[in-house]
Amino acid sequence: MINQYLIESLDVPHSEVALIVAYGVTVDRHYLVDPGDRIVVLLGGGCCAVDL
């Protein structure tokens, strides 16, 4: 399950999370994470930085 501790272990405050995406599909915090899963956590209220 994606929970606040997993998200916070990446130095992302769970209170800032706007959207969680797994393999291109929006999921909630009850998504069961398996080793190797590709998870994207999008933050609300700001712009994203992209390295080109």
N, C-alpha and C. Protein backbone atom coordinates (compact mmCIF):
# COMPACT_ATOMS: atom_id res chain seq x y z
N MET A 1 0.84 -1.18 0.00
CA MET A 1 0.00 0.00 0.00
C MET A 1 0.89 1.24 0.00
N ILE A 2 0.51 2.22 -0.78
CA ILE A 2 1.21 3.50 -0.76
C ILE A 2 0.71 4.24 0.47
N ASN A 3 1.58 4.51 1.38
CA ASN A 3 1.15 5.23 2.57
C ASN A 3 2.07 6.42 2.80
N GLN A 4 1.75 7.19 3.81
CA GLN A 4 2.51 8.41 4.03
C GLN A 4 3.97 8.13 4.32
N TYR A 5 4.31 6.99 4.91
CA TYR A 5 5.70 6.70 5.22
C TYR A 5 6.52 6.40 3.98
N LEU A 6 5.92 5.68 3.04
CA LEU A 6 6.60 5.40 1.78
C LEU A 6 6.87 6.70 1.02
N ILE A 7 5.88 7.55 0.94
CA ILE A 7 6.03 8.82 0.24
C ILE A 7 7.03 9.71 0.97
N GLU A 8 6.93 9.79 2.29
CA GLU A 8 7.84 10.64 3.06
C GLU A 8 9.27 10.10 3.05
N SER A 9 9.46 8.80 2.81
CA SER A 9 10.82 8.25 2.75
C SER A 9 11.58 8.83 1.55
N LEU A 10 10.85 9.40 0.60
CA LEU A 10 11.45 10.06 -0.56
C LEU A 10 11.54 11.57 -0.38
N ASP A 11 11.38 12.02 0.86
CA ASP A 11 11.42 13.45 1.22
C ASP A 11 10.30 14.24 0.56
N VAL A 12 9.15 13.60 0.38
CA VAL A 12 7.97 14.26 -0.16
C VAL A 12 6.93 14.30 0.95
N PRO A 13 6.52 15.48 1.41
CA PRO A 13 5.48 15.55 2.44
C PRO A 13 4.17 14.98 1.89
N HIS A 14 3.60 13.99 2.57
CA HIS A 14 2.38 13.35 2.06
C HIS A 14 1.23 14.33 1.94
N SER A 15 1.27 15.39 2.72
CA SER A 15 0.20 16.39 2.67
C SER A 15 0.23 17.21 1.38
N GLU A 16 1.36 17.15 0.64
CA GLU A 16 1.50 17.89 -0.61
C GLU A 16 1.11 17.08 -1.84
N VAL A 17 0.79 15.80 -1.66
CA VAL A 17 0.49 14.92 -2.79
C VAL A 17 -0.86 15.26 -3.40
N ALA A 18 -0.86 15.51 -4.71
CA ALA A 18 -2.10 15.81 -5.42
C ALA A 18 -2.59 14.59 -6.18
N LEU A 19 -1.66 13.77 -6.68
CA LEU A 19 -2.03 12.66 -7.54
C LEU A 19 -0.94 11.59 -7.48
N ILE A 20 -1.37 10.32 -7.49
CA ILE A 20 -0.44 9.20 -7.55
C ILE A 20 -0.77 8.41 -8.81
N VAL A 21 0.26 8.12 -9.61
CA VAL A 21 0.07 7.42 -10.88
C VAL A 21 0.96 6.18 -10.89
N ALA A 22 0.38 5.05 -11.25
CA ALA A 22 1.13 3.80 -11.40
C ALA A 22 0.90 3.29 -12.82
N TYR A 23 1.99 3.19 -13.58
CA TYR A 23 1.90 2.71 -14.97
C TYR A 23 0.90 3.50 -15.81
N GLY A 24 0.85 4.82 -15.59
CA GLY A 24 -0.01 5.68 -16.39
C GLY A 24 -1.46 5.74 -15.94
N VAL A 25 -1.78 5.08 -14.84
CA VAL A 25 -3.16 5.05 -14.34
C VAL A 25 -3.19 5.70 -12.96
N THR A 26 -4.14 6.60 -12.75
CA THR A 26 -4.29 7.22 -11.44
C THR A 26 -4.75 6.18 -10.42
N VAL A 27 -4.05 6.15 -9.28
CA VAL A 27 -4.39 5.22 -8.21
C VAL A 27 -4.54 5.99 -6.90
N ASP A 28 -5.14 5.34 -5.91
CA ASP A 28 -5.25 5.98 -4.61
C ASP A 28 -4.20 5.40 -3.67
N ARG A 29 -4.25 5.82 -2.43
CA ARG A 29 -3.24 5.39 -1.46
C ARG A 29 -3.39 3.93 -1.04
N HIS A 30 -4.40 3.25 -1.56
CA HIS A 30 -4.61 1.84 -1.24
C HIS A 30 -3.98 0.92 -2.29
N TYR A 31 -3.33 1.48 -3.29
CA TYR A 31 -2.67 0.70 -4.32
C TYR A 31 -1.56 -0.14 -3.67
N LEU A 32 -1.53 -1.43 -3.97
CA LEU A 32 -0.50 -2.31 -3.43
C LEU A 32 0.74 -2.25 -4.31
N VAL A 33 1.83 -1.78 -3.73
CA VAL A 33 3.07 -1.60 -4.47
C VAL A 33 3.86 -2.90 -4.47
N ASP A 34 4.29 -3.31 -5.65
CA ASP A 34 5.14 -4.49 -5.81
C ASP A 34 6.55 -4.02 -6.19
N PRO A 35 7.57 -4.80 -5.86
CA PRO A 35 8.94 -4.44 -6.26
C PRO A 35 8.99 -4.22 -7.78
N GLY A 36 9.61 -3.12 -8.18
CA GLY A 36 9.75 -2.80 -9.59
C GLY A 36 8.63 -1.96 -10.16
N ASP A 37 7.58 -1.71 -9.38
CA ASP A 37 6.49 -0.85 -9.87
C ASP A 37 7.01 0.55 -10.16
N ARG A 38 6.43 1.17 -11.18
CA ARG A 38 6.77 2.55 -11.53
C ARG A 38 5.66 3.45 -11.00
N ILE A 39 6.00 4.24 -10.01
CA ILE A 39 5.04 5.11 -9.33
C ILE A 39 5.48 6.56 -9.54
N VAL A 40 4.53 7.42 -9.90
CA VAL A 40 4.78 8.85 -10.03
C VAL A 40 3.90 9.55 -9.00
N VAL A 41 4.52 10.43 -8.21
CA VAL A 41 3.79 11.22 -7.22
C VAL A 41 3.83 12.67 -7.67
N LEU A 42 2.66 13.23 -7.94
CA LEU A 42 2.57 14.63 -8.39
C LEU A 42 2.15 15.50 -7.22
N LEU A 43 2.82 16.61 -7.08
CA LEU A 43 2.52 17.53 -5.98
C LEU A 43 1.58 18.62 -6.45
N GLY A 44 0.76 19.08 -5.54
CA GLY A 44 -0.19 20.14 -5.86
C GLY A 44 0.39 21.52 -5.60
N GLY A 45 -0.21 22.50 -6.21
CA GLY A 45 0.10 23.89 -5.91
C GLY A 45 1.43 24.41 -6.42
N GLY A 46 2.00 23.78 -7.41
CA GLY A 46 3.27 24.31 -7.88
C GLY A 46 3.62 23.81 -9.26
N CYS A 47 4.71 24.30 -9.76
CA CYS A 47 5.20 23.92 -11.07
C CYS A 47 6.23 22.81 -10.90
N CYS A 48 6.37 22.03 -11.92
CA CYS A 48 7.32 20.93 -11.89
C CYS A 48 8.59 21.33 -12.63
N ALA A 49 9.73 20.86 -12.14
CA ALA A 49 11.00 21.07 -12.82
C ALA A 49 11.29 19.83 -13.66
N VAL A 50 11.72 20.05 -14.88
CA VAL A 50 12.01 18.93 -15.79
C VAL A 50 13.45 19.09 -16.29
N ASP A 51 14.24 18.03 -16.14
CA ASP A 51 15.59 18.04 -16.71
C ASP A 51 15.53 17.59 -18.15
N LEU A 52 16.06 18.36 -19.07
CA LEU A 52 16.06 18.01 -20.49
C LEU A 52 17.41 17.51 -20.91
